[in-house]
Amino acid sequence: MTEDERGILIKEIHQAFSVLNLPSSLYEYSDDKVDDLADVLIFAGIRKKHTLDY
């Protein structure tokens, strides 16, 4: 995952946490966790699909 891809995912995660009223401090943004969170957001219907190729 490039820094640009990681930045996009982190921005989406922050937006989702805001919508769900969750503190962003719940997560540290290591690459593995960012990818896992992206999968969770897809499953929850917040993200439609992976927008980036890994």
PDB file of N, CA and C in Angstrom:
ATOM      1  N   MET A   1       0.852  -1.170   0.000  1.00  0.00           N
ATOM      2  CA  MET A   1       0.000   0.000   0.000  1.00  0.00           C
ATOM      3  C   MET A   1       0.900   1.236   0.000  1.00  0.00           C
ATOM      4  N   THR A   2       0.636   2.136  -0.916  1.00  0.00           N
ATOM      5  CA  THR A   2       1.429   3.360  -0.976  1.00  0.00           C
ATOM      6  C   THR A   2       0.938   4.348   0.085  1.00  0.00           C
ATOM      7  N   GLU A   3       1.725   5.373   0.318  1.00  0.00           N
ATOM      8  CA  GLU A   3       1.322   6.401   1.281  1.00  0.00           C
ATOM      9  C   GLU A   3       0.037   7.102   0.830  1.00  0.00           C
ATOM     10  N   ASP A   4      -0.114   7.326  -0.475  1.00  0.00           N
ATOM     11  CA  ASP A   4      -1.333   7.966  -0.981  1.00  0.00           C
ATOM     12  C   ASP A   4      -2.556   7.088  -0.736  1.00  0.00           C
ATOM     13  N   GLU A   5      -2.429   5.786  -1.014  1.00  0.00           N
ATOM     14  CA  GLU A   5      -3.533   4.850  -0.792  1.00  0.00           C
ATOM     15  C   GLU A   5      -3.888   4.799   0.692  1.00  0.00           C
ATOM     16  N   ARG A   6      -2.861   4.737   1.524  1.00  0.00           N
ATOM     17  CA  ARG A   6      -3.067   4.689   2.971  1.00  0.00           C
ATOM     18  C   ARG A   6      -3.783   5.956   3.439  1.00  0.00           C
ATOM     19  N   GLY A   7      -3.376   7.098   2.909  1.00  0.00           N
ATOM     20  CA  GLY A   7      -4.005   8.364   3.281  1.00  0.00           C
ATOM     21  C   GLY A   7      -5.477   8.408   2.915  1.00  0.00           C
ATOM     22  N   ILE A   8      -5.806   7.888   1.737  1.00  0.00           N
ATOM     23  CA  ILE A   8      -7.203   7.845   1.294  1.00  0.00           C
ATOM     24  C   ILE A   8      -8.019   6.954   2.224  1.00  0.00           C
ATOM     25  N   LEU A   9      -7.492   5.794   2.564  1.00  0.00           N
ATOM     26  CA  LEU A   9      -8.223   4.887   3.456  1.00  0.00           C
ATOM     27  C   LEU A   9      -8.405   5.497   4.836  1.00  0.00           C
ATOM     28  N   ILE A  10      -7.361   6.140   5.350  1.00  0.00           N
ATOM     29  CA  ILE A  10      -7.467   6.761   6.672  1.00  0.00           C
ATOM     30  C   ILE A  10      -8.530   7.855   6.653  1.00  0.00           C
ATOM     31  N   LYS A  11      -8.591   8.624   5.576  1.00  0.00           N
ATOM     32  CA  LYS A  11      -9.607   9.672   5.457  1.00  0.00           C
ATOM     33  C   LYS A  11     -11.001   9.041   5.458  1.00  0.00           C
ATOM     34  N   GLU A  12     -11.179   7.937   4.732  1.00  0.00           N
ATOM     35  CA  GLU A  12     -12.477   7.248   4.707  1.00  0.00           C
ATOM     36  C   GLU A  12     -12.822   6.687   6.083  1.00  0.00           C
ATOM     37  N   ILE A  13     -11.831   6.158   6.765  1.00  0.00           N
ATOM     38  CA  ILE A  13     -12.053   5.607   8.107  1.00  0.00           C
ATOM     39  C   ILE A  13     -12.483   6.719   9.061  1.00  0.00           C
ATOM     40  N   HIS A  14     -11.807   7.858   9.022  1.00  0.00           N
ATOM     41  CA  HIS A  14     -12.186   8.989   9.872  1.00  0.00           C
ATOM     42  C   HIS A  14     -13.622   9.429   9.586  1.00  0.00           C
ATOM     43  N   GLN A  15     -13.989   9.482   8.305  1.00  0.00           N
ATOM     44  CA  GLN A  15     -15.354   9.873   7.939  1.00  0.00           C
ATOM     45  C   GLN A  15     -16.368   8.872   8.481  1.00  0.00           C
ATOM     46  N   ALA A  16     -16.063   7.588   8.346  1.00  0.00           N
ATOM     47  CA  ALA A  16     -16.979   6.554   8.838  1.00  0.00           C
ATOM     48  C   ALA A  16     -17.107   6.628  10.353  1.00  0.00           C
ATOM     49  N   PHE A  17     -15.983   6.822  11.054  1.00  0.00           N
ATOM     50  CA  PHE A  17     -16.032   6.930  12.511  1.00  0.00           C
ATOM     51  C   PHE A  17     -16.873   8.134  12.918  1.00  0.00           C
ATOM     52  N   SER A  18     -16.765   9.215  12.167  1.00  0.00           N
ATOM     53  CA  SER A  18     -17.541  10.417  12.462  1.00  0.00           C
ATOM     54  C   SER A  18     -19.032  10.144  12.285  1.00  0.00           C
ATOM     55  N   VAL A  19     -19.389   9.475  11.186  1.00  0.00           N
ATOM     56  CA  VAL A  19     -20.789   9.135  10.923  1.00  0.00           C
ATOM     57  C   VAL A  19     -21.333   8.215  12.011  1.00  0.00           C
ATOM     58  N   LEU A  20     -20.509   7.274  12.444  1.00  0.00           N
ATOM     59  CA  LEU A  20     -20.933   6.317  13.469  1.00  0.00           C
ATOM     60  C   LEU A  20     -20.772   6.862  14.880  1.00  0.00           C
ATOM     61  N   ASN A  21     -20.250   8.095  14.986  1.00  0.00           N
ATOM     62  CA  ASN A  21     -20.041   8.755  16.271  1.00  0.00           C
ATOM     63  C   ASN A  21     -19.056   7.990  17.162  1.00  0.00           C
ATOM     64  N   LEU A  22     -18.014   7.442  16.548  1.00  0.00           N
ATOM     65  CA  LEU A  22     -16.967   6.735  17.279  1.00  0.00           C
ATOM     66  C   LEU A  22     -15.704   7.585  17.298  1.00  0.00           C
ATOM     67  N   PRO A  23     -14.964   7.565  18.408  1.00  0.00           N
ATOM     68  CA  PRO A  23     -13.715   8.333  18.439  1.00  0.00           C
ATOM     69  C   PRO A  23     -12.650   7.679  17.562  1.00  0.00           C
ATOM     70  N   SER A  24     -11.973   8.482  16.760  1.00  0.00           N
ATOM     71  CA  SER A  24     -10.932   7.937  15.885  1.00  0.00           C
ATOM     72  C   SER A  24      -9.750   7.414  16.685  1.00  0.00           C
ATOM     73  N   SER A  25      -9.669   7.782  17.955  1.00  0.00           N
ATOM     74  CA  SER A  25      -8.563   7.306  18.789  1.00  0.00           C
ATOM     75  C   SER A  25      -8.672   5.814  19.093  1.00  0.00           C
ATOM     76  N   LEU A  26      -9.760   5.178  18.666  1.00  0.00           N
ATOM     77  CA  LEU A  26      -9.914   3.740  18.898  1.00  0.00           C
ATOM     78  C   LEU A  26      -8.905   2.918  18.112  1.00  0.00           C
ATOM     79  N   TYR A  27      -8.376   3.505  17.052  1.00  0.00           N
ATOM     80  CA  TYR A  27      -7.496   2.732  16.196  1.00  0.00           C
ATOM     81  C   TYR A  27      -6.167   3.392  15.958  1.00  0.00           C
ATOM     82  N   GLU A  28      -5.124   2.589  15.978  1.00  0.00           N
ATOM     83  CA  GLU A  28      -3.820   3.029  15.498  1.00  0.00           C
ATOM     84  C   GLU A  28      -3.773   2.636  14.031  1.00  0.00           C
ATOM     85  N   TYR A  29      -3.158   3.467  13.212  1.00  0.00           N
ATOM     86  CA  TYR A  29      -3.249   3.268  11.779  1.00  0.00           C
ATOM     87  C   TYR A  29      -2.042   2.558  11.182  1.00  0.00           C
ATOM     88  N   SER A  30      -1.749   1.367  11.673  1.00  0.00           N
ATOM     89  CA  SER A  30      -0.737   0.553  11.005  1.00  0.00           C
ATOM     90  C   SER A  30      -1.347   0.039   9.707  1.00  0.00           C
ATOM     91  N   ASP A  31      -0.518  -0.315   8.739  1.00  0.00           N
ATOM     92  CA  ASP A  31      -1.030  -0.755   7.438  1.00  0.00           C
ATOM     93  C   ASP A  31      -2.009  -1.911   7.565  1.00  0.00           C
ATOM     94  N   ASP A  32      -1.692  -2.898   8.400  1.00  0.00           N
ATOM     95  CA  ASP A  32      -2.579  -4.053   8.550  1.00  0.00           C
ATOM     96  C   ASP A  32      -3.939  -3.635   9.093  1.00  0.00           C
ATOM     97  N   LYS A  33      -3.931  -2.763  10.072  1.00  0.00           N
ATOM     98  CA  LYS A  33      -5.193  -2.347  10.676  1.00  0.00           C
ATOM     99  C   LYS A  33      -6.013  -1.481   9.729  1.00  0.00           C
ATOM    100  N   VAL A  34      -5.342  -0.631   8.941  1.00  0.00           N
ATOM    101  CA  VAL A  34      -6.068   0.182   7.963  1.00  0.00           C
ATOM    102  C   VAL A  34      -6.760  -0.722   6.956  1.00  0.00           C
ATOM    103  N   ASP A  35      -6.071  -1.744   6.485  1.00  0.00           N
ATOM    104  CA  ASP A  35      -6.664  -2.680   5.528  1.00  0.00           C
ATOM    105  C   ASP A  35      -7.830  -3.429   6.167  1.00  0.00           C
ATOM    106  N   ASP A  36      -7.666  -3.871   7.410  1.00  0.00           N
ATOM    107  CA  ASP A  36      -8.750  -4.556   8.117  1.00  0.00           C
ATOM    108  C   ASP A  36      -9.961  -3.642   8.281  1.00  0.00           C
ATOM    109  N   LEU A  37      -9.713  -2.393   8.649  1.00  0.00           N
ATOM    110  CA  LEU A  37     -10.822  -1.457   8.811  1.00  0.00           C
ATOM    111  C   LEU A  37     -11.530  -1.199   7.494  1.00  0.00           C
ATOM    112  N   ALA A  38     -10.774  -1.136   6.407  1.00  0.00           N
ATOM    113  CA  ALA A  38     -11.392  -0.958   5.088  1.00  0.00           C
ATOM    114  C   ALA A  38     -12.335  -2.123   4.800  1.00  0.00           C
ATOM    115  N   ASP A  39     -11.913  -3.345   5.133  1.00  0.00           N
ATOM    116  CA  ASP A  39     -12.772  -4.516   4.938  1.00  0.00           C
ATOM    117  C   ASP A  39     -14.030  -4.432   5.802  1.00  0.00           C
ATOM    118  N   VAL A  40     -13.886  -3.971   7.035  1.00  0.00           N
ATOM    119  CA  VAL A  40     -15.035  -3.828   7.930  1.00  0.00           C
ATOM    120  C   VAL A  40     -16.022  -2.809   7.366  1.00  0.00           C
ATOM    121  N   LEU A  41     -15.495  -1.701   6.832  1.00  0.00           N
ATOM    122  CA  LEU A  41     -16.373  -0.674   6.269  1.00  0.00           C
ATOM    123  C   LEU A  41     -17.115  -1.196   5.048  1.00  0.00           C
ATOM    124  N   ILE A  42     -16.463  -2.032   4.253  1.00  0.00           N
ATOM    125  CA  ILE A  42     -17.129  -2.654   3.104  1.00  0.00           C
ATOM    126  C   ILE A  42     -18.246  -3.568   3.598  1.00  0.00           C
ATOM    127  N   PHE A  43     -17.932  -4.400   4.588  1.00  0.00           N
ATOM    128  CA  PHE A  43     -18.919  -5.328   5.133  1.00  0.00           C
ATOM    129  C   PHE A  43     -20.116  -4.574   5.716  1.00  0.00           C
ATOM    130  N   ALA A  44     -19.851  -3.461   6.367  1.00  0.00           N
ATOM    131  CA  ALA A  44     -20.915  -2.677   6.995  1.00  0.00           C
ATOM    132  C   ALA A  44     -21.720  -1.870   5.984  1.00  0.00           C
ATOM    133  N   GLY A  45     -21.275  -1.892   4.732  1.00  0.00           N
ATOM    134  CA  GLY A  45     -21.990  -1.168   3.701  1.00  0.00           C
ATOM    135  C   GLY A  45     -21.629   0.301   3.626  1.00  0.00           C
ATOM    136  N   ILE A  46     -20.593   0.702   4.346  1.00  0.00           N
ATOM    137  CA  ILE A  46     -20.171   2.101   4.334  1.00  0.00           C
ATOM    138  C   ILE A  46     -19.308   2.379   3.105  1.00  0.00           C
ATOM    139  N   ARG A  47     -18.455   1.430   2.766  1.00  0.00           N
ATOM    140  CA  ARG A  47     -17.694   1.516   1.514  1.00  0.00           C
ATOM    141  C   ARG A  47     -18.327   0.509   0.575  1.00  0.00           C
ATOM    142  N   LYS A  48     -18.463   0.856  -0.676  1.00  0.00           N
ATOM    143  CA  LYS A  48     -19.084  -0.054  -1.636  1.00  0.00           C
ATOM    144  C   LYS A  48     -18.139  -1.164  -2.066  1.00  0.00           C
ATOM    145  N   LYS A  49     -16.862  -0.832  -2.220  1.00  0.00           N
ATOM    146  CA  LYS A  49     -15.878  -1.812  -2.662  1.00  0.00           C
ATOM    147  C   LYS A  49     -14.501  -1.219  -2.436  1.00  0.00           C
ATOM    148  N   HIS A  50     -13.499  -2.039  -2.638  1.00  0.00           N
ATOM    149  CA  HIS A  50     -12.141  -1.506  -2.590  1.00  0.00           C
ATOM    150  C   HIS A  50     -11.964  -0.556  -3.761  1.00  0.00           C
ATOM    151  N   THR A  51     -11.562   0.653  -3.476  1.00  0.00           N
ATOM    152  CA  THR A  51     -11.335   1.623  -4.540  1.00  0.00           C
ATOM    153  C   THR A  51      -9.890   1.594  -4.999  1.00  0.00           C
ATOM    154  N   LEU A  52      -9.081   0.838  -4.298  1.00  0.00           N
ATOM    155  CA  LEU A  52      -7.653   0.791  -4.595  1.00  0.00           C
ATOM    156  C   LEU A  52      -7.215  -0.646  -4.805  1.00  0.00           C
ATOM    157  N   ASP A  53      -6.249  -0.845  -5.637  1.00  0.00           N
ATOM    158  CA  ASP A  53      -5.667  -2.174  -5.815  1.00  0.00           C
ATOM    159  C   ASP A  53      -4.521  -2.324  -4.838  1.00  0.00           C
ATOM    160  N   TYR A  54      -4.520  -3.448  -4.124  1.00  0.00           N
ATOM    161  CA  TYR A  54      -3.444  -3.691  -3.155  1.00  0.00           C
ATOM    162  C   TYR A  54      -2.455  -4.633  -3.771  1.00  0.00           C
TER     163      TYR A  54
END
